[in-house]
PDB file of N, CA and C in Angstrom:
ATOM      1  N   MET A   1      -0.059 -20.555 -29.694  1.00  0.00           N
ATOM      2  CA  MET A   1      -0.373 -21.029 -28.371  1.00  0.00           C
ATOM      3  C   MET A   1      -0.968 -19.847 -27.612  1.00  0.00           C
ATOM      4  N   CYS A   2      -2.048 -20.106 -26.934  1.00  0.00           N
ATOM      5  CA  CYS A   2      -2.725 -19.064 -26.162  1.00  0.00           C
ATOM      6  C   CYS A   2      -2.325 -19.218 -24.654  1.00  0.00           C
ATOM      7  N   TRP A   3      -2.228 -18.132 -24.000  1.00  0.00           N
ATOM      8  CA  TRP A   3      -1.758 -18.117 -22.593  1.00  0.00           C
ATOM      9  C   TRP A   3      -2.708 -17.530 -21.634  1.00  0.00           C
ATOM     10  N   GLU A   4      -2.698 -18.130 -20.364  1.00  0.00           N
ATOM     11  CA  GLU A   4      -3.353 -17.543 -19.283  1.00  0.00           C
ATOM     12  C   GLU A   4      -2.254 -16.949 -18.436  1.00  0.00           C
ATOM     13  N   ASN A   5      -2.113 -15.677 -18.296  1.00  0.00           N
ATOM     14  CA  ASN A   5      -1.055 -14.999 -17.628  1.00  0.00           C
ATOM     15  C   ASN A   5      -1.499 -14.676 -16.231  1.00  0.00           C
ATOM     16  N   ARG A   6      -0.935 -15.379 -15.248  1.00  0.00           N
ATOM     17  CA  ARG A   6      -1.227 -15.029 -13.828  1.00  0.00           C
ATOM     18  C   ARG A   6      -0.179 -14.042 -13.340  1.00  0.00           C
ATOM     19  N   ILE A   7      -0.609 -12.965 -12.791  1.00  0.00           N
ATOM     20  CA  ILE A   7       0.283 -11.891 -12.351  1.00  0.00           C
ATOM     21  C   ILE A   7       0.377 -11.930 -10.869  1.00  0.00           C
ATOM     22  N   VAL A   8       1.572 -11.986 -10.341  1.00  0.00           N
ATOM     23  CA  VAL A   8       1.888 -11.971  -8.927  1.00  0.00           C
ATOM     24  C   VAL A   8       2.611 -10.722  -8.579  1.00  0.00           C
ATOM     25  N   VAL A   9       2.139  -9.928  -7.666  1.00  0.00           N
ATOM     26  CA  VAL A   9       2.761  -8.673  -7.298  1.00  0.00           C
ATOM     27  C   VAL A   9       3.476  -8.867  -5.926  1.00  0.00           C
ATOM     28  N   ALA A  10       4.777  -8.454  -5.850  1.00  0.00           N
ATOM     29  CA  ALA A  10       5.601  -8.631  -4.653  1.00  0.00           C
ATOM     30  C   ALA A  10       5.885  -7.212  -4.050  1.00  0.00           C
ATOM     31  N   CYS A  11       5.887  -7.173  -2.726  1.00  0.00           N
ATOM     32  CA  CYS A  11       6.247  -5.966  -2.019  1.00  0.00           C
ATOM     33  C   CYS A  11       7.799  -5.862  -2.114  1.00  0.00           C
ATOM     34  N   PRO A  12       8.306  -4.694  -2.424  1.00  0.00           N
ATOM     35  CA  PRO A  12       9.781  -4.594  -2.562  1.00  0.00           C
ATOM     36  C   PRO A  12      10.531  -4.712  -1.189  1.00  0.00           C
ATOM     37  N   SER A  13       9.828  -4.357  -0.114  1.00  0.00           N
ATOM     38  CA  SER A  13      10.523  -4.439   1.206  1.00  0.00           C
ATOM     39  C   SER A  13      10.570  -5.809   1.769  1.00  0.00           C
ATOM     40  N   CYS A  14       9.468  -6.500   1.795  1.00  0.00           N
ATOM     41  CA  CYS A  14       9.414  -7.849   2.489  1.00  0.00           C
ATOM     42  C   CYS A  14       9.167  -9.012   1.592  1.00  0.00           C
ATOM     43  N   ASN A  15       9.005  -8.807   0.285  1.00  0.00           N
ATOM     44  CA  ASN A  15       8.805  -9.826  -0.759  1.00  0.00           C
ATOM     45  C   ASN A  15       7.546 -10.634  -0.504  1.00  0.00           C
ATOM     46  N   ASP A  16       6.583 -10.191   0.246  1.00  0.00           N
ATOM     47  CA  ASP A  16       5.314 -10.872   0.360  1.00  0.00           C
ATOM     48  C   ASP A  16       4.566 -10.746  -1.003  1.00  0.00           C
ATOM     49  N   THR A  17       3.952 -11.783  -1.408  1.00  0.00           N
ATOM     50  CA  THR A  17       3.271 -11.769  -2.740  1.00  0.00           C
ATOM     51  C   THR A  17       1.804 -11.764  -2.572  1.00  0.00           C
ATOM     52  N   THR A  18       1.101 -11.124  -3.512  1.00  0.00           N
ATOM     53  CA  THR A  18      -0.357 -11.182  -3.561  1.00  0.00           C
ATOM     54  C   THR A  18      -0.741 -11.393  -5.026  1.00  0.00           C
ATOM     55  N   PRO A  19      -1.842 -12.028  -5.318  1.00  0.00           N
ATOM     56  CA  PRO A  19      -2.258 -12.195  -6.670  1.00  0.00           C
ATOM     57  C   PRO A  19      -2.678 -10.897  -7.282  1.00  0.00           C
ATOM     58  N   GLY A  20      -2.278 -10.681  -8.509  1.00  0.00           N
ATOM     59  CA  GLY A  20      -2.584  -9.425  -9.179  1.00  0.00           C
ATOM     60  C   GLY A  20      -3.529  -9.474 -10.298  1.00  0.00           C
ATOM     61  N   GLY A  21      -4.149 -10.674 -10.410  1.00  0.00           N
ATOM     62  CA  GLY A  21      -5.170 -10.832 -11.486  1.00  0.00           C
ATOM     63  C   GLY A  21      -4.702 -11.800 -12.548  1.00  0.00           C
ATOM     64  N   THR A  22      -5.549 -12.032 -13.532  1.00  0.00           N
ATOM     65  CA  THR A  22      -5.293 -12.894 -14.645  1.00  0.00           C
ATOM     66  C   THR A  22      -5.567 -12.213 -15.882  1.00  0.00           C
ATOM     67  N   ARG A  23      -4.656 -12.377 -16.856  1.00  0.00           N
ATOM     68  CA  ARG A  23      -4.921 -11.781 -18.199  1.00  0.00           C
ATOM     69  C   ARG A  23      -4.792 -12.898 -19.250  1.00  0.00           C
ATOM     70  N   TYR A  24      -5.640 -12.861 -20.260  1.00  0.00           N
ATOM     71  CA  TYR A  24      -5.593 -13.888 -21.268  1.00  0.00           C
ATOM     72  C   TYR A  24      -5.010 -13.292 -22.532  1.00  0.00           C
ATOM     73  N   GLU A  25      -4.054 -14.063 -23.108  1.00  0.00           N
ATOM     74  CA  GLU A  25      -3.336 -13.643 -24.298  1.00  0.00           C
ATOM     75  C   GLU A  25      -3.594 -14.637 -25.415  1.00  0.00           C
ATOM     76  N   LYS A  26      -4.220 -14.147 -26.501  1.00  0.00           N
ATOM     77  CA  LYS A  26      -4.567 -15.058 -27.609  1.00  0.00           C
ATOM     78  C   LYS A  26      -3.326 -15.115 -28.533  1.00  0.00           C
ATOM     79  N   CYS A  27      -3.165 -16.309 -29.125  1.00  0.00           N
ATOM     80  CA  CYS A  27      -2.033 -16.494 -30.029  1.00  0.00           C
ATOM     81  C   CYS A  27      -2.307 -15.785 -31.344  1.00  0.00           C
ATOM     82  N   PRO A  28      -1.252 -15.513 -32.135  1.00  0.00           N
ATOM     83  CA  PRO A  28      -1.457 -14.856 -33.384  1.00  0.00           C
ATOM     84  C   PRO A  28      -2.332 -15.561 -34.392  1.00  0.00           C
ATOM     85  N   LYS A  29      -2.293 -16.897 -34.409  1.00  0.00           N
ATOM     86  CA  LYS A  29      -3.145 -17.678 -35.308  1.00  0.00           C
ATOM     87  C   LYS A  29      -4.596 -17.462 -35.015  1.00  0.00           C
ATOM     88  N   VAL A  30      -4.961 -17.513 -33.741  1.00  0.00           N
ATOM     89  CA  VAL A  30      -6.385 -17.324 -33.381  1.00  0.00           C
ATOM     90  C   VAL A  30      -6.784 -15.920 -33.731  1.00  0.00           C
ATOM     91  N   GLN A  31      -5.950 -14.912 -33.483  1.00  0.00           N
ATOM     92  CA  GLN A  31      -6.311 -13.566 -33.780  1.00  0.00           C
ATOM     93  C   GLN A  31      -6.461 -13.340 -35.314  1.00  0.00           C
ATOM     94  N   LYS A  32      -5.616 -13.995 -36.090  1.00  0.00           N
ATOM     95  CA  LYS A  32      -5.659 -13.850 -37.560  1.00  0.00           C
ATOM     96  C   LYS A  32      -6.898 -14.512 -38.130  1.00  0.00           C
ATOM     97  N   ASP A  33      -7.200 -15.716 -37.670  1.00  0.00           N
ATOM     98  CA  ASP A  33      -8.366 -16.445 -38.214  1.00  0.00           C
ATOM     99  C   ASP A  33      -9.695 -15.942 -37.690  1.00  0.00           C
ATOM    100  N   GLY A  34      -9.704 -15.359 -36.538  1.00  0.00           N
ATOM    101  CA  GLY A  34     -10.920 -14.833 -35.944  1.00  0.00           C
ATOM    102  C   GLY A  34     -11.813 -15.919 -35.348  1.00  0.00           C
ATOM    103  N   LYS A  35     -11.253 -17.160 -35.192  1.00  0.00           N
ATOM    104  CA  LYS A  35     -12.008 -18.286 -34.660  1.00  0.00           C
ATOM    105  C   LYS A  35     -11.912 -18.271 -33.138  1.00  0.00           C
ATOM    106  N   ALA A  36     -12.883 -18.906 -32.517  1.00  0.00           N
ATOM    107  CA  ALA A  36     -12.828 -19.129 -31.093  1.00  0.00           C
ATOM    108  C   ALA A  36     -11.761 -20.122 -30.725  1.00  0.00           C
ATOM    109  N   PHE A  37     -11.080 -19.882 -29.637  1.00  0.00           N
ATOM    110  CA  PHE A  37      -9.984 -20.765 -29.227  1.00  0.00           C
ATOM    111  C   PHE A  37     -10.605 -21.866 -28.322  1.00  0.00           C
ATOM    112  N   GLU A  38     -10.395 -23.130 -28.672  1.00  0.00           N
ATOM    113  CA  GLU A  38     -10.982 -24.204 -27.929  1.00  0.00           C
ATOM    114  C   GLU A  38      -9.965 -25.148 -27.309  1.00  0.00           C
ATOM    115  N   GLY A  39      -8.699 -24.872 -27.502  1.00  0.00           N
ATOM    116  CA  GLY A  39      -7.664 -25.825 -27.066  1.00  0.00           C
ATOM    117  C   GLY A  39      -7.254 -25.626 -25.616  1.00  0.00           C
ATOM    118  N   GLY A  40      -7.850 -24.679 -24.898  1.00  0.00           N
ATOM    119  CA  GLY A  40      -7.392 -24.469 -23.509  1.00  0.00           C
ATOM    120  C   GLY A  40      -6.125 -23.572 -23.477  1.00  0.00           C
ATOM    121  N   TYR A  41      -6.009 -22.897 -22.392  1.00  0.00           N
ATOM    122  CA  TYR A  41      -4.849 -21.977 -22.279  1.00  0.00           C
ATOM    123  C   TYR A  41      -3.751 -22.614 -21.507  1.00  0.00           C
ATOM    124  N   LYS A  42      -2.489 -22.332 -21.910  1.00  0.00           N
ATOM    125  CA  LYS A  42      -1.364 -22.761 -21.095  1.00  0.00           C
ATOM    126  C   LYS A  42      -1.116 -21.630 -20.066  1.00  0.00           C
ATOM    127  N   ARG A  43      -0.751 -22.078 -18.873  1.00  0.00           N
ATOM    128  CA  ARG A  43      -0.550 -21.074 -17.811  1.00  0.00           C
ATOM    129  C   ARG A  43       0.900 -20.700 -17.664  1.00  0.00           C
ATOM    130  N   ARG A  44       1.086 -19.378 -17.389  1.00  0.00           N
ATOM    131  CA  ARG A  44       2.429 -18.896 -17.013  1.00  0.00           C
ATOM    132  C   ARG A  44       2.213 -17.764 -16.000  1.00  0.00           C
ATOM    133  N   THR A  45       3.233 -17.587 -15.199  1.00  0.00           N
ATOM    134  CA  THR A  45       3.178 -16.587 -14.049  1.00  0.00           C
ATOM    135  C   THR A  45       4.174 -15.506 -14.346  1.00  0.00           C
ATOM    136  N   TYR A  46       3.708 -14.262 -14.191  1.00  0.00           N
ATOM    137  CA  TYR A  46       4.553 -13.116 -14.263  1.00  0.00           C
ATOM    138  C   TYR A  46       4.687 -12.556 -12.852  1.00  0.00           C
ATOM    139  N   ASN A  47       5.896 -12.334 -12.419  1.00  0.00           N
ATOM    140  CA  ASN A  47       6.169 -11.682 -11.101  1.00  0.00           C
ATOM    141  C   ASN A  47       6.519 -10.233 -11.338  1.00  0.00           C
ATOM    142  N   LYS A  48       5.803  -9.366 -10.623  1.00  0.00           N
ATOM    143  CA  LYS A  48       6.079  -7.935 -10.740  1.00  0.00           C
ATOM    144  C   LYS A  48       6.346  -7.367  -9.354  1.00  0.00           C
ATOM    145  N   THR A  49       7.092  -6.305  -9.271  1.00  0.00           N
ATOM    146  CA  THR A  49       7.296  -5.626  -8.052  1.00  0.00           C
ATOM    147  C   THR A  49       6.353  -4.424  -8.003  1.00  0.00           C
ATOM    148  N   GLY A  50       5.611  -4.349  -6.892  1.00  0.00           N
ATOM    149  CA  GLY A  50       4.612  -3.313  -6.737  1.00  0.00           C
ATOM    150  C   GLY A  50       4.997  -2.318  -5.635  1.00  0.00           C
ATOM    151  N   GLU A  51       4.027  -1.738  -5.077  1.00  0.00           N
ATOM    152  CA  GLU A  51       4.202  -0.787  -4.003  1.00  0.00           C
ATOM    153  C   GLU A  51       4.412  -1.535  -2.653  1.00  0.00           C
ATOM    154  N   ASP A  52       4.824  -0.783  -1.636  1.00  0.00           N
ATOM    155  CA  ASP A  52       4.949  -1.395  -0.337  1.00  0.00           C
ATOM    156  C   ASP A  52       3.625  -1.837   0.184  1.00  0.00           C
ATOM    157  N   CYS A  53       3.560  -3.015   0.867  1.00  0.00           N
ATOM    158  CA  CYS A  53       2.368  -3.553   1.396  1.00  0.00           C
ATOM    159  C   CYS A  53       1.914  -2.776   2.622  1.00  0.00           C
ATOM    160  N   ALA A  54       0.682  -2.983   3.135  1.00  0.00           N
ATOM    161  CA  ALA A  54       0.168  -2.233   4.233  1.00  0.00           C
ATOM    162  C   ALA A  54       1.012  -2.455   5.492  1.00  0.00           C
ATOM    163  N   LYS A  55       1.502  -3.717   5.667  1.00  0.00           N
ATOM    164  CA  LYS A  55       2.315  -4.012   6.856  1.00  0.00           C
ATOM    165  C   LYS A  55       3.644  -3.209   6.821  1.00  0.00           C
ATOM    166  N   CYS A  56       4.271  -3.146   5.689  1.00  0.00           N
ATOM    167  CA  CYS A  56       5.549  -2.371   5.602  1.00  0.00           C
ATOM    168  C   CYS A  56       5.290  -0.916   5.788  1.00  0.00           C
ATOM    169  N   VAL A  57       4.216  -0.408   5.210  1.00  0.00           N
ATOM    170  CA  VAL A  57       3.863   1.033   5.413  1.00  0.00           C
ATOM    171  C   VAL A  57       3.651   1.370   6.867  1.00  0.00           C
ATOM    172  N   LYS A  58       2.949   0.466   7.583  1.00  0.00           N
ATOM    173  CA  LYS A  58       2.694   0.691   9.037  1.00  0.00           C
ATOM    174  C   LYS A  58       4.031   0.614   9.794  1.00  0.00           C
ATOM    175  N   ILE A  59       4.894  -0.316   9.491  1.00  0.00           N
ATOM    176  CA  ILE A  59       6.189  -0.390  10.127  1.00  0.00           C
ATOM    177  C   ILE A  59       7.007   0.852   9.937  1.00  0.00           C
ATOM    178  N   GLU A  60       6.974   1.414   8.715  1.00  0.00           N
ATOM    179  CA  GLU A  60       7.719   2.676   8.399  1.00  0.00           C
ATOM    180  C   GLU A  60       7.165   3.853   9.192  1.00  0.00           C
ATOM    181  N   GLU A  61       5.796   3.875   9.299  1.00  0.00           N
ATOM    182  CA  GLU A  61       5.179   4.959  10.087  1.00  0.00           C
ATOM    183  C   GLU A  61       5.588   4.875  11.541  1.00  0.00           C
ATOM    184  N   LEU A  62       5.583   3.632  12.119  1.00  0.00           N
ATOM    185  CA  LEU A  62       5.989   3.493  13.517  1.00  0.00           C
ATOM    186  C   LEU A  62       7.480   3.876  13.721  1.00  0.00           C
ATOM    187  N   LYS A  63       8.334   3.513  12.775  1.00  0.00           N
ATOM    188  CA  LYS A  63       9.769   3.914  12.930  1.00  0.00           C
ATOM    189  C   LYS A  63       9.914   5.387  12.908  1.00  0.00           C
ATOM    190  N   ASN A  64       9.167   6.042  11.959  1.00  0.00           N
ATOM    191  CA  ASN A  64       9.264   7.506  11.859  1.00  0.00           C
ATOM    192  C   ASN A  64       8.757   8.198  13.126  1.00  0.00           C
ATOM    193  N   ALA A  65       7.615   7.688  13.703  1.00  0.00           N
ATOM    194  CA  ALA A  65       7.096   8.233  14.924  1.00  0.00           C
ATOM    195  C   ALA A  65       8.075   8.059  16.092  1.00  0.00           C
ATOM    196  N   ALA A  66       8.747   6.874  16.160  1.00  0.00           N
ATOM    197  CA  ALA A  66       9.682   6.650  17.206  1.00  0.00           C
ATOM    198  C   ALA A  66      10.879   7.584  17.093  1.00  0.00           C
ATOM    199  N   ALA A  67      11.373   7.824  15.859  1.00  0.00           N
ATOM    200  CA  ALA A  67      12.448   8.742  15.638  1.00  0.00           C
ATOM    201  C   ALA A  67      12.136  10.125  16.068  1.00  0.00           C
ATOM    202  N   VAL A  68      10.902  10.599  15.751  1.00  0.00           N
ATOM    203  CA  VAL A  68      10.487  11.964  16.138  1.00  0.00           C
ATOM    204  C   VAL A  68      10.445  12.063  17.672  1.00  0.00           C
ATOM    205  N   LYS A  69       9.901  11.008  18.341  1.00  0.00           N
ATOM    206  CA  LYS A  69       9.771  11.056  19.789  1.00  0.00           C
ATOM    207  C   LYS A  69      11.135  11.013  20.449  1.00  0.00           C
ATOM    208  N   LEU A  70      12.081  10.275  19.928  1.00  0.00           N
ATOM    209  CA  LEU A  70      13.452  10.229  20.423  1.00  0.00           C
ATOM    210  C   LEU A  70      14.126  11.600  20.282  1.00  0.00           C
ATOM    211  N   THR A  71      13.963  12.222  19.148  1.00  0.00           N
ATOM    212  CA  THR A  71      14.471  13.550  18.895  1.00  0.00           C
ATOM    213  C   THR A  71      13.948  14.548  19.885  1.00  0.00           C
ATOM    214  N   GLU A  72      12.636  14.536  20.087  1.00  0.00           N
ATOM    215  CA  GLU A  72      11.996  15.446  21.044  1.00  0.00           C
ATOM    216  C   GLU A  72      12.520  15.193  22.488  1.00  0.00           C
ATOM    217  N   ASP A  73      12.626  13.972  22.856  1.00  0.00           N
ATOM    218  CA  ASP A  73      13.095  13.646  24.234  1.00  0.00           C
ATOM    219  C   ASP A  73      14.571  14.127  24.400  1.00  0.00           C
ATOM    220  N   LEU A  74      15.421  13.919  23.359  1.00  0.00           N
ATOM    221  CA  LEU A  74      16.833  14.374  23.482  1.00  0.00           C
ATOM    222  C   LEU A  74      16.871  15.912  23.620  1.00  0.00           C
ATOM    223  N   ARG A  75      16.070  16.571  22.860  1.00  0.00           N
ATOM    224  CA  ARG A  75      16.072  18.006  22.939  1.00  0.00           C
ATOM    225  C   ARG A  75      15.555  18.500  24.282  1.00  0.00           C
ATOM    226  N   ALA A  76      14.528  17.758  24.873  1.00  0.00           N
ATOM    227  CA  ALA A  76      14.032  18.099  26.187  1.00  0.00           C
ATOM    228  C   ALA A  76      15.143  17.931  27.267  1.00  0.00           C
ATOM    229  N   MET A  77      16.019  16.978  27.067  1.00  0.00           N
ATOM    230  CA  MET A  77      17.164  16.710  28.025  1.00  0.00           C
ATOM    231  C   MET A  77      18.327  17.646  27.786  1.00  0.00           C
ATOM    232  N   GLY A  78      18.255  18.547  26.743  1.00  0.00           N
ATOM    233  CA  GLY A  78      19.326  19.503  26.526  1.00  0.00           C
ATOM    234  C   GLY A  78      20.320  19.123  25.444  1.00  0.00           C
ATOM    235  N   TYR A  79      20.114  18.019  24.803  1.00  0.00           N
ATOM    236  CA  TYR A  79      21.013  17.611  23.739  1.00  0.00           C
ATOM    237  C   TYR A  79      20.660  18.358  22.457  1.00  0.00           C
ATOM    238  N   ASP A  80      21.678  18.527  21.640  1.00  0.00           N
ATOM    239  CA  ASP A  80      21.471  19.228  20.391  1.00  0.00           C
ATOM    240  C   ASP A  80      21.215  18.106  19.301  1.00  0.00           C
ATOM    241  N   ALA A  81      19.961  17.853  19.100  1.00  0.00           N
ATOM    242  CA  ALA A  81      19.613  16.726  18.163  1.00  0.00           C
ATOM    243  C   ALA A  81      18.799  17.264  17.054  1.00  0.00           C
TER     244      ALA A  81
END
């Protein structure tokens, strides 16, 4: 049986998914005989965890900037931060 593997990549932080492409996998019989496959491909989906998405990266940058600003403000007020 030959497969059309659809790959779905998920962000580890928010689990938003994006399509990661399609890969075709030929069955051993077709590879051994060397004939063209005419029966159509069965579809299956693979879920993978990828890198953080752009939205999560931006949120992390904003959190880091807010933490730096808060630390600077506390030091300006005389607190040991």
